[in-house]
Amino acid sequence: MELSTYLKQVLEERERSIGYMARKTGLAPSTIHRILHGDKDISLKTAQAIAKFCGVDVAYIYGLVDDEVKRKMGLEGRLVLLMDTYPWFKETMEKLLGVFEKEALSLDDLKGAMRYALMALERIEKAGKEI
């Protein structure tokens, strides 16, 4: 299912308008209109707002967009997706943040650690192993 189809379905089932969704999400009505008409180029912030409105994890919304959009969301988007999808990953990142706060290490060190974690997950997924 595509994001536009899913969003149309949610609005129809709830008998809600674009204007209502815009007020509840803080998104511009024109943004919602574009998505409903097939625009797949959404930001992480937009995906999070849509997920909250629909009552689903951002990982679900993320799964409805294509790979190009996911690449545009960058590292932050991938981390949010992973933390929503894998609770153990979120717990690990929170512990890692705690260590970095206590040790007063740099943000670059933290980014490096997160990139390493992402690479490890990608290798696992490419190998087709269960996480």
N, C-alpha and C. Protein backbone atom coordinates (compact mmCIF):
# COMPACT_ATOMS: atom_id res chain seq x y z
N MET A 1 0.85 -1.17 0.00
CA MET A 1 0.00 0.00 0.00
C MET A 1 0.90 1.24 0.00
N GLU A 2 0.49 2.24 -0.70
CA GLU A 2 1.25 3.49 -0.73
C GLU A 2 0.75 4.42 0.37
N LEU A 3 1.59 5.38 0.71
CA LEU A 3 1.24 6.33 1.76
C LEU A 3 -0.03 7.09 1.42
N SER A 4 -0.18 7.53 0.18
CA SER A 4 -1.37 8.30 -0.21
C SER A 4 -2.65 7.47 0.01
N THR A 5 -2.60 6.21 -0.36
CA THR A 5 -3.76 5.32 -0.20
C THR A 5 -4.08 5.12 1.27
N TYR A 6 -3.05 4.88 2.06
CA TYR A 6 -3.24 4.67 3.50
C TYR A 6 -3.85 5.91 4.15
N LEU A 7 -3.31 7.07 3.83
CA LEU A 7 -3.78 8.30 4.45
C LEU A 7 -5.23 8.61 4.04
N LYS A 8 -5.57 8.37 2.79
CA LYS A 8 -6.95 8.56 2.34
C LYS A 8 -7.88 7.64 3.12
N GLN A 9 -7.44 6.41 3.32
CA GLN A 9 -8.24 5.43 4.06
C GLN A 9 -8.47 5.89 5.50
N VAL A 10 -7.42 6.38 6.15
CA VAL A 10 -7.54 6.84 7.54
C VAL A 10 -8.52 8.01 7.63
N LEU A 11 -8.37 8.97 6.73
CA LEU A 11 -9.26 10.14 6.74
C LEU A 11 -10.71 9.73 6.48
N GLU A 12 -10.92 8.82 5.55
CA GLU A 12 -12.28 8.37 5.25
C GLU A 12 -12.89 7.62 6.42
N GLU A 13 -12.11 6.70 7.01
CA GLU A 13 -12.62 5.91 8.13
C GLU A 13 -12.99 6.79 9.32
N ARG A 14 -12.22 7.83 9.53
CA ARG A 14 -12.47 8.73 10.67
C ARG A 14 -13.40 9.89 10.30
N GLU A 15 -13.78 9.93 9.04
CA GLU A 15 -14.62 11.01 8.53
C GLU A 15 -14.02 12.38 8.87
N ARG A 16 -12.75 12.53 8.53
CA ARG A 16 -12.01 13.76 8.82
C ARG A 16 -11.54 14.41 7.52
N SER A 17 -11.32 15.71 7.60
CA SER A 17 -10.90 16.48 6.43
C SER A 17 -9.41 16.77 6.47
N ILE A 18 -8.92 17.28 5.36
CA ILE A 18 -7.52 17.72 5.29
C ILE A 18 -7.29 18.83 6.30
N GLY A 19 -8.24 19.74 6.41
CA GLY A 19 -8.13 20.85 7.37
C GLY A 19 -8.02 20.36 8.80
N TYR A 20 -8.81 19.36 9.15
CA TYR A 20 -8.76 18.79 10.49
C TYR A 20 -7.38 18.19 10.75
N MET A 21 -6.92 17.40 9.79
CA MET A 21 -5.60 16.77 9.94
C MET A 21 -4.51 17.84 10.06
N ALA A 22 -4.62 18.89 9.28
CA ALA A 22 -3.63 19.97 9.34
C ALA A 22 -3.59 20.60 10.73
N ARG A 23 -4.76 20.84 11.29
CA ARG A 23 -4.81 21.43 12.65
C ARG A 23 -4.21 20.50 13.69
N LYS A 24 -4.50 19.22 13.57
CA LYS A 24 -4.02 18.24 14.56
C LYS A 24 -2.53 17.93 14.43
N THR A 25 -1.99 18.01 13.22
CA THR A 25 -0.59 17.63 13.00
C THR A 25 0.36 18.81 12.93
N GLY A 26 -0.19 20.00 12.66
CA GLY A 26 0.68 21.16 12.46
C GLY A 26 1.26 21.22 11.04
N LEU A 27 0.84 20.30 10.19
CA LEU A 27 1.29 20.29 8.79
C LEU A 27 0.43 21.25 7.98
N ALA A 28 0.99 21.82 6.95
CA ALA A 28 0.23 22.69 6.07
C ALA A 28 -0.78 21.86 5.28
N PRO A 29 -1.99 22.38 5.08
CA PRO A 29 -2.96 21.64 4.26
C PRO A 29 -2.40 21.29 2.87
N SER A 30 -1.59 22.17 2.32
CA SER A 30 -1.01 21.89 0.99
C SER A 30 -0.08 20.68 1.03
N THR A 31 0.63 20.50 2.15
CA THR A 31 1.51 19.33 2.31
C THR A 31 0.68 18.05 2.33
N ILE A 32 -0.39 18.07 3.09
CA ILE A 32 -1.27 16.90 3.17
C ILE A 32 -1.89 16.61 1.80
N HIS A 33 -2.32 17.66 1.13
CA HIS A 33 -2.91 17.52 -0.20
C HIS A 33 -1.92 16.87 -1.17
N ARG A 34 -0.67 17.31 -1.14
CA ARG A 34 0.35 16.73 -2.02
C ARG A 34 0.55 15.25 -1.73
N ILE A 35 0.59 14.89 -0.46
CA ILE A 35 0.78 13.48 -0.08
C ILE A 35 -0.41 12.65 -0.54
N LEU A 36 -1.61 13.19 -0.36
CA LEU A 36 -2.82 12.46 -0.78
C LEU A 36 -2.87 12.25 -2.29
N HIS A 37 -2.16 13.10 -3.02
CA HIS A 37 -2.14 12.97 -4.47
C HIS A 37 -0.85 12.33 -4.98
N GLY A 38 -0.16 11.61 -4.09
CA GLY A 38 0.94 10.77 -4.53
C GLY A 38 2.34 11.30 -4.33
N ASP A 39 2.50 12.49 -3.76
CA ASP A 39 3.85 13.01 -3.51
C ASP A 39 4.47 12.19 -2.38
N LYS A 40 5.58 11.55 -2.68
CA LYS A 40 6.23 10.68 -1.70
C LYS A 40 7.42 11.34 -1.01
N ASP A 41 7.72 12.55 -1.38
CA ASP A 41 8.90 13.23 -0.85
C ASP A 41 8.55 13.92 0.46
N ILE A 42 8.61 13.15 1.55
CA ILE A 42 8.25 13.71 2.86
C ILE A 42 9.48 13.71 3.77
N SER A 43 9.46 14.62 4.71
CA SER A 43 10.56 14.72 5.67
C SER A 43 10.29 13.81 6.86
N LEU A 44 11.31 13.65 7.68
CA LEU A 44 11.15 12.86 8.91
C LEU A 44 10.08 13.50 9.79
N LYS A 45 10.12 14.81 9.92
CA LYS A 45 9.14 15.52 10.76
C LYS A 45 7.71 15.26 10.27
N THR A 46 7.52 15.29 8.96
CA THR A 46 6.21 15.02 8.38
C THR A 46 5.79 13.58 8.66
N ALA A 47 6.71 12.64 8.48
CA ALA A 47 6.40 11.23 8.76
C ALA A 47 6.01 11.03 10.22
N GLN A 48 6.71 11.72 11.13
CA GLN A 48 6.38 11.60 12.55
C GLN A 48 5.00 12.18 12.84
N ALA A 49 4.67 13.31 12.23
CA ALA A 49 3.36 13.93 12.45
C ALA A 49 2.24 13.04 11.92
N ILE A 50 2.45 12.47 10.75
CA ILE A 50 1.45 11.57 10.16
C ILE A 50 1.27 10.33 11.03
N ALA A 51 2.37 9.76 11.49
CA ALA A 51 2.30 8.58 12.35
C ALA A 51 1.51 8.85 13.61
N LYS A 52 1.79 9.98 14.25
CA LYS A 52 1.08 10.35 15.48
C LYS A 52 -0.42 10.50 15.21
N PHE A 53 -0.75 11.18 14.12
CA PHE A 53 -2.16 11.39 13.76
C PHE A 53 -2.86 10.05 13.51
N CYS A 54 -2.19 9.16 12.82
CA CYS A 54 -2.78 7.87 12.46
C CYS A 54 -2.75 6.86 13.59
N GLY A 55 -1.96 7.13 14.63
CA GLY A 55 -1.87 6.21 15.75
C GLY A 55 -1.01 4.99 15.45
N VAL A 56 0.00 5.18 14.62
CA VAL A 56 0.92 4.10 14.28
C VAL A 56 2.35 4.55 14.54
N ASP A 57 3.27 3.61 14.56
CA ASP A 57 4.68 3.94 14.68
C ASP A 57 5.17 4.61 13.42
N VAL A 58 6.16 5.46 13.57
CA VAL A 58 6.75 6.10 12.39
C VAL A 58 7.35 5.04 11.47
N ALA A 59 7.72 3.90 12.02
CA ALA A 59 8.25 2.81 11.21
C ALA A 59 7.21 2.34 10.19
N TYR A 60 5.95 2.35 10.57
CA TYR A 60 4.90 1.95 9.64
C TYR A 60 4.80 2.95 8.49
N ILE A 61 4.78 4.23 8.81
CA ILE A 61 4.72 5.27 7.78
C ILE A 61 5.96 5.18 6.92
N TYR A 62 7.08 4.98 7.55
CA TYR A 62 8.36 4.87 6.84
C TYR A 62 8.33 3.71 5.84
N GLY A 63 7.63 2.65 6.20
CA GLY A 63 7.52 1.50 5.32
C GLY A 63 6.66 1.75 4.09
N LEU A 64 5.87 2.82 4.13
CA LEU A 64 4.98 3.15 3.01
C LEU A 64 5.64 4.07 1.99
N VAL A 65 6.83 4.56 2.29
CA VAL A 65 7.52 5.45 1.35
C VAL A 65 8.65 4.69 0.67
N ASP A 66 9.08 5.19 -0.47
CA ASP A 66 10.10 4.47 -1.24
C ASP A 66 11.52 4.71 -0.72
N ASP A 67 12.45 3.95 -1.24
CA ASP A 67 13.83 4.00 -0.77
C ASP A 67 14.47 5.37 -0.96
N GLU A 68 14.13 6.08 -2.02
CA GLU A 68 14.71 7.40 -2.26
C GLU A 68 14.34 8.37 -1.14
N VAL A 69 13.10 8.32 -0.69
CA VAL A 69 12.66 9.17 0.41
C VAL A 69 13.41 8.80 1.68
N LYS A 70 13.59 7.50 1.90
CA LYS A 70 14.31 7.05 3.09
C LYS A 70 15.75 7.58 3.08
N ARG A 71 16.38 7.56 1.91
CA ARG A 71 17.74 8.09 1.80
C ARG A 71 17.78 9.58 2.12
N LYS A 72 16.77 10.30 1.66
CA LYS A 72 16.71 11.74 1.92
C LYS A 72 16.53 12.05 3.40
N MET A 73 15.87 11.15 4.12
CA MET A 73 15.66 11.36 5.55
C MET A 73 16.97 11.23 6.32
N GLY A 74 17.93 10.58 5.74
CA GLY A 74 19.26 10.52 6.30
C GLY A 74 19.39 9.69 7.56
N LEU A 75 20.50 9.90 8.22
CA LEU A 75 20.85 9.13 9.41
C LEU A 75 19.80 9.27 10.51
N GLU A 76 19.33 10.49 10.74
CA GLU A 76 18.35 10.70 11.80
C GLU A 76 17.08 9.89 11.54
N GLY A 77 16.62 9.92 10.30
CA GLY A 77 15.42 9.16 9.96
C GLY A 77 15.60 7.67 10.13
N ARG A 78 16.74 7.17 9.73
CA ARG A 78 17.01 5.75 9.87
C ARG A 78 17.10 5.36 11.34
N LEU A 79 17.69 6.22 12.16
CA LEU A 79 17.77 5.92 13.59
C LEU A 79 16.39 5.90 14.23
N VAL A 80 15.54 6.87 13.87
CA VAL A 80 14.18 6.89 14.40
C VAL A 80 13.45 5.62 14.00
N LEU A 81 13.58 5.24 12.75
CA LEU A 81 12.94 4.01 12.26
C LEU A 81 13.43 2.80 13.05
N LEU A 82 14.73 2.69 13.22
CA LEU A 82 15.28 1.54 13.93
C LEU A 82 14.83 1.52 15.39
N MET A 83 14.79 2.68 16.02
CA MET A 83 14.37 2.73 17.43
C MET A 83 12.90 2.39 17.58
N ASP A 84 12.07 2.78 16.59
CA ASP A 84 10.65 2.43 16.64
C ASP A 84 10.42 0.96 16.32
N THR A 85 11.26 0.41 15.46
CA THR A 85 11.08 -0.97 15.01
C THR A 85 11.64 -1.98 16.00
N TYR A 86 12.81 -1.67 16.53
CA TYR A 86 13.51 -2.61 17.42
C TYR A 86 13.69 -1.99 18.79
N PRO A 87 12.85 -2.35 19.77
CA PRO A 87 12.97 -1.78 21.11
C PRO A 87 14.36 -1.96 21.73
N TRP A 88 15.02 -3.08 21.43
CA TRP A 88 16.35 -3.31 21.98
C TRP A 88 17.33 -2.28 21.44
N PHE A 89 17.13 -1.83 20.20
CA PHE A 89 18.03 -0.83 19.61
C PHE A 89 17.83 0.51 20.33
N LYS A 90 16.58 0.85 20.61
CA LYS A 90 16.29 2.10 21.32
C LYS A 90 16.93 2.06 22.71
N GLU A 91 16.77 0.94 23.40
CA GLU A 91 17.34 0.80 24.73
C GLU A 91 18.87 0.92 24.68
N THR A 92 19.48 0.31 23.69
CA THR A 92 20.93 0.38 23.53
C THR A 92 21.37 1.82 23.29
N MET A 93 20.67 2.54 22.42
CA MET A 93 21.02 3.93 22.12
C MET A 93 20.86 4.82 23.35
N GLU A 94 19.81 4.57 24.14
CA GLU A 94 19.60 5.36 25.35
C GLU A 94 20.72 5.11 26.36
N LYS A 95 21.14 3.85 26.49
CA LYS A 95 22.26 3.54 27.38
C LYS A 95 23.54 4.20 26.88
N LEU A 96 23.74 4.14 25.57
CA LEU A 96 24.92 4.75 24.96
C LEU A 96 24.94 6.26 25.22
N LEU A 97 23.79 6.88 25.08
CA LEU A 97 23.71 8.32 25.35
C LEU A 97 24.07 8.61 26.81
N GLY A 98 23.60 7.76 27.70
CA GLY A 98 23.93 7.94 29.13
C GLY A 98 25.41 7.85 29.38
N VAL A 99 26.08 6.91 28.74
CA VAL A 99 27.53 6.77 28.88
C VAL A 99 28.23 8.01 28.34
N PHE A 100 27.78 8.48 27.19
CA PHE A 100 28.41 9.65 26.59
C PHE A 100 28.21 10.90 27.44
N GLU A 101 27.06 11.01 28.08
CA GLU A 101 26.81 12.16 28.96
C GLU A 101 27.72 12.11 30.18
N LYS A 102 27.87 10.93 30.77
CA LYS A 102 28.72 10.78 31.96
C LYS A 102 30.19 11.01 31.64
N GLU A 103 30.62 10.53 30.50
CA GLU A 103 32.03 10.62 30.13
C GLU A 103 32.37 11.92 29.42
N ALA A 104 31.37 12.73 29.12
CA ALA A 104 31.56 14.00 28.43
C ALA A 104 32.33 13.82 27.11
N LEU A 105 31.92 12.80 26.35
CA LEU A 105 32.52 12.57 25.05
C LEU A 105 31.84 13.46 24.01
N SER A 106 32.46 13.59 22.88
CA SER A 106 31.96 14.52 21.86
C SER A 106 30.77 13.95 21.09
N LEU A 107 30.05 14.85 20.44
CA LEU A 107 28.95 14.47 19.59
C LEU A 107 29.45 13.63 18.41
N ASP A 108 30.63 13.94 17.92
CA ASP A 108 31.21 13.15 16.82
C ASP A 108 31.43 11.70 17.25
N ASP A 109 31.85 11.49 18.51
CA ASP A 109 32.01 10.13 19.02
C ASP A 109 30.67 9.39 19.02
N LEU A 110 29.63 10.10 19.45
CA LEU A 110 28.30 9.50 19.50
C LEU A 110 27.81 9.17 18.09
N LYS A 111 27.99 10.10 17.15
CA LYS A 111 27.59 9.85 15.77
C LYS A 111 28.34 8.65 15.19
N GLY A 112 29.61 8.55 15.49
CA GLY A 112 30.40 7.42 15.03
C GLY A 112 29.86 6.10 15.56
N ALA A 113 29.51 6.09 16.84
CA ALA A 113 28.96 4.88 17.45
C ALA A 113 27.62 4.51 16.81
N MET A 114 26.80 5.50 16.52
CA MET A 114 25.51 5.23 15.90
C MET A 114 25.69 4.73 14.47
N ARG A 115 26.63 5.30 13.75
CA ARG A 115 26.90 4.82 12.39
C ARG A 115 27.36 3.36 12.42
N TYR A 116 28.19 3.05 13.40
CA TYR A 116 28.67 1.68 13.55
C TYR A 116 27.48 0.75 13.81
N ALA A 117 26.55 1.17 14.67
CA ALA A 117 25.37 0.35 14.97
C ALA A 117 24.53 0.16 13.72
N LEU A 118 24.37 1.21 12.93
CA LEU A 118 23.60 1.10 11.68
C LEU A 118 24.26 0.14 10.71
N MET A 119 25.57 0.22 10.58
CA MET A 119 26.28 -0.68 9.68
C MET A 119 26.09 -2.12 10.11
N ALA A 120 26.14 -2.37 11.41
CA ALA A 120 25.95 -3.73 11.92
C ALA A 120 24.55 -4.23 11.58
N LEU A 121 23.54 -3.38 11.77
CA LEU A 121 22.17 -3.78 11.45
C LEU A 121 22.00 -4.04 9.95
N GLU A 122 22.62 -3.22 9.13
CA GLU A 122 22.53 -3.42 7.68
C GLU A 122 23.14 -4.76 7.27
N ARG A 123 24.26 -5.10 7.87
CA ARG A 123 24.89 -6.39 7.56
C ARG A 123 23.99 -7.55 7.96
N ILE A 124 23.36 -7.43 9.11
CA ILE A 124 22.46 -8.48 9.58
C ILE A 124 21.28 -8.61 8.62
N GLU A 125 20.69 -7.47 8.23
CA GLU A 125 19.55 -7.50 7.33
C GLU A 125 19.92 -8.06 5.96
N LYS A 126 21.09 -7.69 5.43
CA LYS A 126 21.52 -8.19 4.13
C LYS A 126 21.76 -9.70 4.18
N ALA A 127 22.20 -10.18 5.31
CA ALA A 127 22.44 -11.61 5.45
C ALA A 127 21.11 -12.38 5.63
N GLY A 128 20.03 -11.61 5.84
CA GLY A 128 18.71 -12.23 5.97
C GLY A 128 18.47 -12.88 7.31
N LYS A 129 19.21 -12.45 8.31
CA LYS A 129 19.05 -13.03 9.63
C LYS A 129 17.98 -12.27 10.41
N GLU A 130 17.35 -12.99 11.31
CA GLU A 130 16.37 -12.36 12.20
C GLU A 130 17.08 -11.51 13.23
N ILE A 131 16.47 -10.38 13.54
CA ILE A 131 17.05 -9.51 14.58
C ILE A 131 16.20 -9.66 15.82
